């Protein structure tokens, strides 16, 4: 048994800086799980068009299931099959996390207080289809059906008749079934951290070339966290003289308009803050450069995960202490057109920068509860501020889930409303429409 464990550990540690095709990637992930069974959970969230598994390795003190109070984080890479750097550095991130646990106090606390989901490839068919690596473009960008997966999600601003692909559907279901709080999507072809919104309309500021979300300050902080901890992204020089990004970040819409993107879908319908990380000027660089890419991104990858502990979290319960799912919990002044709701355990997680906020908890049919909180920077303590809500007049446990937010373009409603009001009352219009959508 001892020899077997030693062999498994050796197999898990034998990770070279090279490109790992499907069989090698699966073998590596299985080896890690076998060597660290109590720290990891390996599962497939679905299959690609050609039937390849979409593997996710979960790491944490409780890897197999959600634990109350522990936030869920995810990294997804290789959404475009020919953008390959993220695929490989996530394998090295896995290696670093499992080998550091119990040895490095920071990594140990991070894994004890965070459930981390890592998907090295969302588009394995596209990766395998890229026979001749190229810095700029290959057909492997798309899935087997020729679809760009980062244009295939429901869009909050535009109607789409595109058929949802198997890979997209798997990720949508994954987001629905987990309480993800923070995420990043790893791409290549530029060097910048891009944040939501990718699409927009006049209400979100598109006429001025910037599409602003209600949590714009948080997104800027998240993007800067990654860029400032990256070896060179923070310099903002981009990949050529024509393209510069101050401090290494950009609003997605300011860079270029994108419909059906995954980061906007996460934010609007998944209650998960996601940014897009462009990690290499060359989409599919020579594998002898992979070691440098890992070293350039290592600190940033860890520091970004820590941001899942920003803000405030807690539970909403009835007078008997039973959790209330689907209660709306949001910070005043930050209404989401898809109101952020508690999960089945009555939990909520709100990413907010340090400061004073009024948190509004609403159970349908009952009077809202308001609590003022002073939020510190708790990322170093690996726990957001805890603020629970108990509704004494609620005496039953709500067992059925309210219908999820509709997949129709929600921000079209805001555009129509904005034409009838002055700019100074846009906030009121946002709140009115949010309530209308909820009803």
Protein backbone atom coordinates (compact mmCIF):
# COMPACT_ATOMS: atom_id res chain seq x y z
CA UNK A 1 0.00 0.00 0.00
CA UNK A 2 2.86 2.35 0.84
CA UNK A 3 4.51 1.68 -2.51
CA UNK A 4 1.20 2.30 -4.30
CA UNK A 5 0.72 5.66 -2.55
CA UNK A 6 4.29 6.63 -3.37
CA UNK A 7 3.75 5.75 -7.04
CA UNK A 8 0.52 7.75 -7.17
CA UNK A 9 2.19 10.76 -5.56
CA UNK A 10 5.09 10.51 -8.02
CA UNK A 11 2.67 10.32 -10.95
CA UNK A 12 0.80 13.38 -9.71
CA UNK A 13 4.03 15.32 -9.26
CA UNK A 14 5.42 14.41 -12.68
CA UNK A 15 4.06 17.46 -14.47
CA UNK A 16 6.31 18.79 -17.19
CA UNK A 17 6.02 22.11 -18.96
CA UNK A 18 4.51 20.76 -22.15
CA UNK A 19 1.10 20.55 -23.78
CA UNK A 20 -1.08 17.78 -22.40
CA UNK A 21 -3.58 16.31 -24.83
CA UNK A 22 -6.83 14.71 -23.71
CA UNK A 23 -5.51 11.34 -22.54
CA UNK A 24 -2.55 12.90 -20.71
CA UNK A 25 -4.71 15.56 -19.11
CA UNK A 26 -7.18 12.96 -17.84
CA UNK A 27 -4.36 10.77 -16.57
CA UNK A 28 -2.84 13.67 -14.67
CA UNK A 29 -6.13 14.71 -13.06
CA UNK A 30 -6.90 11.12 -12.04
CA UNK A 31 -3.41 10.80 -10.60
CA UNK A 32 -3.81 13.94 -8.50
CA UNK A 33 -7.16 12.76 -7.17
CA UNK A 34 -5.76 9.33 -6.34
CA UNK A 35 -2.79 10.87 -4.52
CA UNK A 36 -4.90 13.45 -2.63
CA UNK A 37 -8.37 11.85 -2.23
CA UNK A 38 -9.37 13.83 0.85
CA UNK A 39 -8.37 17.17 -0.67
CA UNK A 40 -9.77 16.76 -4.20
CA UNK A 41 -12.87 15.67 -6.06
CA UNK A 42 -12.75 14.86 -9.78
CA UNK A 43 -15.90 14.88 -11.88
CA UNK A 44 -17.12 15.63 -15.40
CA UNK A 45 -19.80 18.30 -15.77
CA UNK A 46 -20.73 17.10 -19.27
CA UNK A 47 -19.33 16.14 -22.65
CA UNK A 48 -18.16 17.99 -25.72
CA UNK A 49 -19.72 17.56 -29.17
CA UNK A 50 -17.25 14.75 -29.89
CA UNK A 51 -17.90 13.11 -26.52
CA UNK A 52 -14.86 14.25 -24.55
CA UNK A 53 -15.42 14.79 -20.84
CA UNK A 54 -15.39 18.34 -19.45
CA UNK A 55 -13.32 17.59 -16.37
CA UNK A 56 -13.40 19.68 -13.20
CA UNK A 57 -11.08 19.10 -10.26
CA UNK A 58 -12.43 20.51 -6.99
CA UNK A 59 -9.97 21.32 -4.21
CA UNK A 60 -10.62 22.17 -0.58
CA UNK A 61 -11.16 20.85 2.90
CA UNK A 62 -14.64 19.68 1.82
CA UNK A 63 -14.15 18.96 -1.90
CA UNK A 64 -17.21 16.80 -2.54
CA UNK A 65 -19.95 19.19 -1.41
CA UNK A 66 -20.81 22.77 -0.54
CA UNK A 67 -20.27 23.68 3.10
CA UNK A 68 -22.20 26.56 4.68
CA UNK A 69 -20.03 29.66 4.92
CA UNK A 70 -17.35 28.45 2.50
CA UNK A 71 -17.51 30.30 -0.82
CA UNK A 72 -17.21 28.58 -4.20
CA UNK A 73 -14.57 29.76 -6.69
CA UNK A 74 -13.80 28.63 -10.24
CA UNK A 75 -11.19 28.94 -12.98
CA UNK A 76 -12.09 27.95 -16.55
CA UNK A 77 -9.55 27.79 -19.38
CA UNK A 78 -9.24 26.79 -23.05
CA UNK A 79 -12.73 28.01 -23.96
CA UNK A 80 -11.21 28.84 -27.31
CA UNK A 81 -9.42 25.63 -28.22
CA UNK A 82 -6.41 27.34 -29.79
CA UNK A 83 -5.79 29.56 -26.72
CA UNK A 84 -3.70 27.16 -24.73
CA UNK A 85 -1.65 28.86 -22.02
CA UNK A 86 -4.49 28.85 -19.47
CA UNK A 87 -5.03 25.12 -19.97
CA UNK A 88 -1.47 24.34 -18.90
CA UNK A 89 -1.01 26.86 -16.10
CA UNK A 90 -4.18 25.57 -14.42
CA UNK A 91 -2.59 22.12 -14.29
CA UNK A 92 0.43 23.68 -12.62
CA UNK A 93 -1.84 25.60 -10.25
CA UNK A 94 -3.41 22.29 -9.23
CA UNK A 95 0.06 20.84 -8.65
CA UNK A 96 1.09 23.86 -6.58
CA UNK A 97 -2.03 23.78 -4.40
CA UNK A 98 -1.98 20.09 -3.53
CA UNK A 99 1.76 19.97 -2.86
CA UNK A 100 1.65 23.15 -0.73
CA UNK A 101 -1.30 22.09 1.43
CA UNK A 102 -0.14 21.37 4.98
CA UNK A 103 3.26 22.93 4.25
CA UNK A 104 2.48 26.51 3.26
CA UNK A 105 0.26 28.19 5.91
CA UNK A 106 -1.32 30.60 3.39
CA UNK A 107 -2.28 27.87 0.91
CA UNK A 108 -3.47 25.66 3.75
CA UNK A 109 -5.80 28.37 5.07
CA UNK A 110 -6.95 29.18 1.55
CA UNK A 111 -7.98 25.57 0.88
CA UNK A 112 -9.51 25.17 4.34
CA UNK A 113 -11.78 28.17 3.74
CA UNK A 114 -12.46 28.05 0.00
CA UNK A 115 -13.84 25.44 -2.38
CA UNK A 116 -11.88 25.85 -5.63
CA UNK A 117 -13.14 24.39 -8.93
CA UNK A 118 -10.66 24.13 -11.81
CA UNK A 119 -11.67 23.29 -15.39
CA UNK A 120 -8.50 23.12 -17.51
CA UNK A 121 -10.41 22.89 -20.80
CA UNK A 122 -13.94 23.88 -21.77
CA UNK A 123 -13.27 23.13 -25.44
CA UNK A 124 -11.25 19.89 -25.67
CA UNK A 125 -12.45 19.27 -29.26
CA UNK A 126 -11.07 22.62 -30.40
CA UNK A 127 -7.73 21.95 -28.71
CA UNK A 128 -7.39 18.56 -30.41
CA UNK A 129 -8.41 20.08 -33.75
CA UNK A 130 -5.53 22.57 -33.63
CA UNK A 131 -3.00 20.50 -35.55
CA UNK A 132 -0.65 23.36 -36.43
CA UNK A 133 -0.24 25.78 -33.50
CA UNK A 134 -0.40 29.44 -34.48
CA UNK A 135 0.04 32.68 -32.57
CA UNK A 136 -2.95 34.36 -34.13
CA UNK A 137 -5.82 32.13 -35.23
CA UNK A 138 -6.82 28.57 -36.12
CA UNK A 139 -10.12 26.78 -36.60
CA UNK A 140 -9.57 25.19 -33.21
CA UNK A 141 -10.91 28.38 -31.66
CA UNK A 142 -14.42 27.00 -32.19
CA UNK A 143 -16.06 23.82 -30.95
CA UNK A 144 -16.71 20.85 -33.24
CA UNK A 145 -19.88 22.51 -34.55
CA UNK A 146 -17.96 25.62 -35.56
CA UNK A 147 -19.41 27.75 -32.76
CA UNK A 148 -17.53 30.32 -30.71
CA UNK A 149 -18.43 29.28 -27.16
CA UNK A 150 -17.80 32.80 -25.86
CA UNK A 151 -20.63 34.08 -28.09
CA UNK A 152 -23.03 31.26 -27.21
CA UNK A 153 -24.47 32.21 -23.80
CA UNK A 154 -27.77 34.03 -23.27
CA UNK A 155 -27.13 37.77 -23.50
CA UNK A 156 -28.63 40.36 -21.16
CA UNK A 157 -28.86 42.95 -23.94
CA UNK A 158 -29.63 41.13 -27.21
CA UNK A 159 -31.92 38.36 -28.40
CA UNK A 160 -30.14 35.38 -29.90
CA UNK A 161 -31.40 32.47 -31.97
CA UNK A 162 -28.12 30.57 -31.65
CA UNK A 163 -28.43 26.95 -30.51
CA UNK A 164 -26.85 26.42 -27.12
CA UNK A 165 -23.91 24.05 -27.55
CA UNK A 166 -23.28 21.01 -25.30
CA UNK A 167 -20.23 22.66 -23.74
CA UNK A 168 -22.17 25.86 -23.04
CA UNK A 169 -25.14 23.97 -21.62
CA UNK A 170 -22.85 22.00 -19.30
CA UNK A 171 -21.34 25.20 -17.90
CA UNK A 172 -24.76 26.84 -17.52
CA UNK A 173 -26.00 23.83 -15.54
CA UNK A 174 -22.80 23.84 -13.48
CA UNK A 175 -23.32 27.51 -12.58
CA UNK A 176 -26.95 26.79 -11.66
CA UNK A 177 -26.02 23.89 -9.38
CA UNK A 178 -23.23 25.58 -7.42
CA UNK A 179 -23.11 28.77 -5.37
CA UNK A 180 -20.24 30.34 -7.29
CA UNK A 181 -19.13 33.71 -5.95
CA UNK A 182 -16.06 34.54 -8.02
CA UNK A 183 -14.57 33.24 -11.25
CA UNK A 184 -12.08 33.92 -14.03
CA UNK A 185 -12.02 32.76 -17.63
CA UNK A 186 -8.50 32.27 -19.06
CA UNK A 187 -7.86 33.25 -22.69
CA UNK A 188 -4.95 34.19 -24.94
CA UNK A 189 -4.16 36.64 -27.74
CA UNK A 190 -3.63 39.73 -25.56
CA UNK A 191 -2.31 40.68 -22.12
CA UNK A 192 -5.06 42.28 -20.06
CA UNK A 193 -7.73 41.67 -17.39
CA UNK A 194 -11.14 42.47 -18.87
CA UNK A 195 -14.31 42.94 -16.81
CA UNK A 196 -18.07 43.10 -17.34
CA UNK A 197 -20.06 44.32 -19.15
CA UNK A 198 -18.96 43.03 -22.54
CA UNK A 199 -22.20 44.23 -24.12
CA UNK A 200 -24.31 47.26 -23.29
CA UNK A 201 -26.87 49.91 -24.13
CA UNK A 202 -27.39 53.62 -23.27
CA UNK A 203 -28.53 52.78 -19.72
CA UNK A 204 -25.20 51.10 -18.94
CA UNK A 205 -23.19 53.82 -20.68
CA UNK A 206 -22.55 52.34 -24.13
CA UNK A 207 -23.00 55.74 -25.80
CA UNK A 208 -19.87 56.85 -23.94
CA UNK A 209 -17.95 53.73 -24.84
CA UNK A 210 -18.07 52.10 -21.39
CA UNK A 211 -20.68 49.62 -20.17
CA UNK A 212 -20.90 49.97 -16.41
CA UNK A 213 -22.35 47.35 -14.07
CA UNK A 214 -23.79 48.19 -10.62
CA UNK A 215 -20.62 46.69 -9.13
CA UNK A 216 -18.13 48.49 -11.38
CA UNK A 217 -15.86 49.41 -8.47
CA UNK A 218 -15.58 45.77 -7.40
CA UNK A 219 -14.81 44.63 -10.95
CA UNK A 220 -12.08 47.25 -11.32
CA UNK A 221 -10.57 46.04 -8.05
CA UNK A 222 -10.71 42.40 -9.17
CA UNK A 223 -9.07 43.17 -12.51
CA UNK A 224 -6.36 45.25 -10.83
CA UNK A 225 -5.74 42.51 -8.28
CA UNK A 226 -4.77 40.16 -11.08
CA UNK A 227 -2.88 42.63 -13.24
CA UNK A 228 -0.90 44.12 -10.35
CA UNK A 229 0.25 40.69 -9.19
CA UNK A 230 1.19 39.54 -12.69
CA UNK A 231 4.81 39.86 -13.76
CA UNK A 232 4.05 42.39 -16.53
CA UNK A 233 0.31 42.80 -17.16
CA UNK A 234 0.15 45.83 -14.87
CA UNK A 235 2.45 47.76 -17.23
CA UNK A 236 -0.44 48.01 -19.69
CA UNK A 237 1.72 47.90 -22.79
CA UNK A 238 -0.41 45.23 -24.46
CA UNK A 239 0.99 43.25 -27.35
CA UNK A 240 1.78 46.00 -29.85
CA UNK A 241 2.11 49.76 -30.00
CA UNK A 242 -1.48 50.20 -31.16
CA UNK A 243 -3.05 48.57 -28.12
CA UNK A 244 -2.46 49.81 -24.58
CA UNK A 245 -4.39 49.10 -21.40
CA UNK A 246 -3.76 51.48 -18.46
CA UNK A 247 -2.81 49.40 -15.43
CA UNK A 248 -3.39 46.25 -17.49
CA UNK A 249 -7.19 46.29 -17.24
CA UNK A 250 -10.14 47.19 -19.47
CA UNK A 251 -13.92 47.30 -19.41
CA UNK A 252 -14.97 44.63 -21.88
CA UNK A 253 -17.26 46.89 -23.91
CA UNK A 254 -14.57 49.60 -24.07
CA UNK A 255 -12.26 47.08 -25.70
CA UNK A 256 -14.78 45.64 -28.13
CA UNK A 257 -18.47 44.74 -28.00
CA UNK A 258 -19.21 41.07 -27.43
CA UNK A 259 -22.62 39.40 -27.39
CA UNK A 260 -23.30 36.12 -25.59
CA UNK A 261 -20.16 36.18 -23.47
CA UNK A 262 -19.62 33.96 -20.45
CA UNK A 263 -18.54 36.65 -17.97
CA UNK A 264 -21.73 38.69 -18.40
CA UNK A 265 -23.81 35.51 -18.09
CA UNK A 266 -22.07 34.62 -14.81
CA UNK A 267 -22.72 38.06 -13.36
CA UNK A 268 -26.34 38.52 -14.45
CA UNK A 269 -27.75 35.00 -14.11
CA UNK A 270 -25.19 33.16 -11.98
CA UNK A 271 -24.65 35.75 -9.22
CA UNK A 272 -20.95 35.15 -9.81
CA UNK A 273 -18.43 37.90 -10.51
CA UNK A 274 -16.24 36.78 -13.42
CA UNK A 275 -13.44 38.51 -15.30
CA UNK A 276 -11.67 37.45 -18.49
CA UNK A 277 -7.90 37.06 -18.32
CA UNK A 278 -5.92 37.38 -21.56
CA UNK A 279 -2.59 35.81 -20.63
CA UNK A 280 -0.44 35.63 -23.75
CA UNK A 281 0.10 37.69 -26.89
CA UNK A 282 0.58 34.43 -28.76
CA UNK A 283 -2.51 32.23 -28.59
CA UNK A 284 -0.63 28.91 -28.89
CA UNK A 285 3.02 29.64 -27.97
CA UNK A 286 5.88 27.11 -28.12
CA UNK A 287 5.82 24.82 -25.11
CA UNK A 288 9.30 25.87 -24.04
CA UNK A 289 7.70 29.17 -22.95
CA UNK A 290 5.17 27.53 -20.63
CA UNK A 291 7.47 27.62 -17.60
CA UNK A 292 7.75 31.41 -17.86
CA UNK A 293 3.98 31.79 -18.27
CA UNK A 294 3.47 29.82 -15.06
CA UNK A 295 6.00 31.94 -13.16
CA UNK A 296 4.45 35.17 -14.50
CA UNK A 297 0.94 34.17 -13.37
CA UNK A 298 1.53 32.12 -10.21
CA UNK A 299 1.16 34.91 -7.63
CA UNK A 300 -1.73 36.55 -9.49
CA UNK A 301 -3.70 33.29 -9.65
CA UNK A 302 -3.48 32.88 -5.87
CA UNK A 303 -4.15 36.51 -4.98
CA UNK A 304 -7.21 36.54 -7.21
CA UNK A 305 -8.70 33.48 -5.48
CA UNK A 306 -8.38 35.28 -2.14
CA UNK A 307 -10.81 37.96 -3.38
CA UNK A 308 -13.69 35.50 -3.02
CA UNK A 309 -13.56 36.52 0.66
CA UNK A 310 -14.34 40.18 -0.02
CA UNK A 311 -17.52 41.71 1.30
CA UNK A 312 -20.28 40.15 3.35
CA UNK A 313 -21.94 36.75 3.66
CA UNK A 314 -24.55 35.14 5.85
CA UNK A 315 -27.78 33.18 6.15
CA UNK A 316 -31.43 34.17 6.03
CA UNK A 317 -33.59 32.06 8.39
CA UNK A 318 -37.13 31.93 9.76
CA UNK A 319 -38.02 32.19 13.46
CA UNK A 320 -37.25 28.50 13.95
CA UNK A 321 -33.81 28.79 12.41
CA UNK A 322 -34.81 27.13 9.15
CA UNK A 323 -33.01 28.48 6.07
CA UNK A 324 -35.05 30.56 3.65
CA UNK A 325 -34.04 30.02 0.03
CA UNK A 326 -34.79 32.63 -2.66
CA UNK A 327 -34.77 35.57 -0.27
CA UNK A 328 -33.40 38.63 -2.06
CA UNK A 329 -30.27 40.04 -0.43
CA UNK A 330 -28.55 43.05 -2.00
CA UNK A 331 -26.67 46.18 -0.97
CA UNK A 332 -28.74 49.35 -1.24
CA UNK A 333 -27.84 51.37 -4.31
CA UNK A 334 -26.65 48.26 -6.18
CA UNK A 335 -29.80 46.73 -7.69
CA UNK A 336 -29.33 43.85 -10.10
CA UNK A 337 -31.93 43.35 -12.82
CA UNK A 338 -31.81 39.69 -11.82
CA UNK A 339 -32.07 40.10 -8.01
CA UNK A 340 -29.43 38.18 -6.07
CA UNK A 341 -31.11 35.45 -4.02
CA UNK A 342 -30.16 33.04 -1.26
CA UNK A 343 -29.38 29.41 -2.09
CA UNK A 344 -31.08 26.28 -0.71
CA UNK A 345 -29.25 26.74 2.61
CA UNK A 346 -30.48 30.33 2.85
CA UNK A 347 -26.97 31.64 2.15
CA UNK A 348 -25.93 34.78 0.37
CA UNK A 349 -22.52 36.12 -0.66
CA UNK A 350 -22.01 39.74 -1.76
CA UNK A 351 -18.64 40.91 -3.03
CA UNK A 352 -18.15 44.48 -1.78
CA UNK A 353 -15.09 46.66 -1.21
CA UNK A 354 -14.32 47.82 2.35
CA UNK A 355 -16.76 50.50 3.49
CA UNK A 356 -20.20 51.13 5.01
CA UNK A 357 -23.23 49.57 3.33
CA UNK A 358 -26.90 48.98 4.02
CA UNK A 359 -27.82 45.37 3.27
CA UNK A 360 -31.46 44.75 2.34
CA UNK A 361 -32.94 41.27 2.87
CA UNK A 362 -36.40 40.62 1.46
CA UNK A 363 -38.62 37.55 1.81
CA UNK A 364 -41.57 37.74 -0.62
CA UNK A 365 -44.72 38.74 1.25
CA UNK A 366 -42.93 40.10 4.32
CA UNK A 367 -41.39 43.39 5.36
CA UNK A 368 -37.76 43.85 4.31
CA UNK A 369 -34.97 43.91 6.86
CA UNK A 370 -32.20 46.52 6.63
CA UNK A 371 -28.87 46.23 8.39
CA UNK A 372 -25.96 48.67 8.24
CA UNK A 373 -22.58 46.96 8.10
CA UNK A 374 -19.00 48.19 8.18
CA UNK A 375 -17.05 45.90 5.87
CA UNK A 376 -13.31 45.53 6.49
CA UNK A 377 -10.79 43.96 4.12
CA UNK A 378 -11.03 40.36 5.27
CA UNK A 379 -9.32 38.67 2.33
CA UNK A 380 -6.23 38.08 4.47
CA UNK A 381 -8.41 36.37 7.07
CA UNK A 382 -10.07 34.16 4.44
CA UNK A 383 -13.57 35.03 5.56
CA UNK A 384 -15.98 37.76 4.49
CA UNK A 385 -17.86 39.68 7.18
CA UNK A 386 -20.71 37.54 8.52
CA UNK A 387 -24.17 39.11 8.77
CA UNK A 388 -27.22 36.89 9.25
CA UNK A 389 -30.89 37.81 8.94
CA UNK A 390 -33.70 36.18 10.96
CA UNK A 391 -37.33 36.83 10.02
CA UNK A 392 -39.36 36.33 13.25
CA UNK A 393 -42.71 36.58 11.46
CA UNK A 394 -41.83 33.80 9.01
CA UNK A 395 -42.79 30.47 10.56
CA UNK A 396 -42.34 28.03 7.70
CA UNK A 397 -39.54 26.71 5.62
CA UNK A 398 -39.84 27.64 1.97
CA UNK A 399 -39.13 24.39 0.17
CA UNK A 400 -39.81 25.18 -3.49
CA UNK A 401 -37.51 27.33 -5.57
CA UNK A 402 -38.89 30.40 -7.26
CA UNK A 403 -38.55 30.38 -11.04
CA UNK A 404 -35.08 31.47 -12.05
CA UNK A 405 -34.55 34.82 -13.69
CA UNK A 406 -35.81 34.72 -17.30
CA UNK A 407 -33.28 34.22 -20.07
CA UNK A 408 -34.73 37.08 -22.12
CA UNK A 409 -32.59 40.22 -22.62
CA UNK A 410 -33.32 41.99 -19.35
CA UNK A 411 -31.61 45.26 -20.21
CA UNK A 412 -33.94 45.91 -23.13
CA UNK A 413 -36.51 46.83 -20.49
CA UNK A 414 -34.10 49.36 -19.01
CA UNK A 415 -33.58 50.98 -22.41
CA UNK A 416 -37.30 51.53 -22.88
CA UNK A 417 -37.67 52.95 -19.40
CA UNK A 418 -34.69 55.28 -19.73
CA UNK A 419 -36.29 57.08 -22.68
CA UNK A 420 -39.09 58.29 -20.43
CA UNK A 421 -37.03 59.60 -17.54
CA UNK A 422 -34.29 62.12 -16.99
CA UNK A 423 -30.72 60.88 -16.42
CA UNK A 424 -30.84 62.06 -12.80
CA UNK A 425 -33.49 59.46 -11.93
CA UNK A 426 -31.95 56.44 -13.65
CA UNK A 427 -31.34 54.79 -10.31
CA UNK A 428 -35.05 54.97 -9.52
CA UNK A 429 -35.85 53.45 -12.91
CA UNK A 430 -33.42 50.62 -12.27
CA UNK A 431 -35.05 49.79 -8.93
CA UNK A 432 -38.58 50.03 -10.35
CA UNK A 433 -37.79 47.64 -13.19
CA UNK A 434 -36.01 45.25 -10.86
CA UNK A 435 -39.18 45.03 -8.74
CA UNK A 436 -41.33 44.58 -11.84
CA UNK A 437 -39.15 41.70 -13.03
CA UNK A 438 -39.28 40.11 -9.58
CA UNK A 439 -43.10 40.30 -9.48
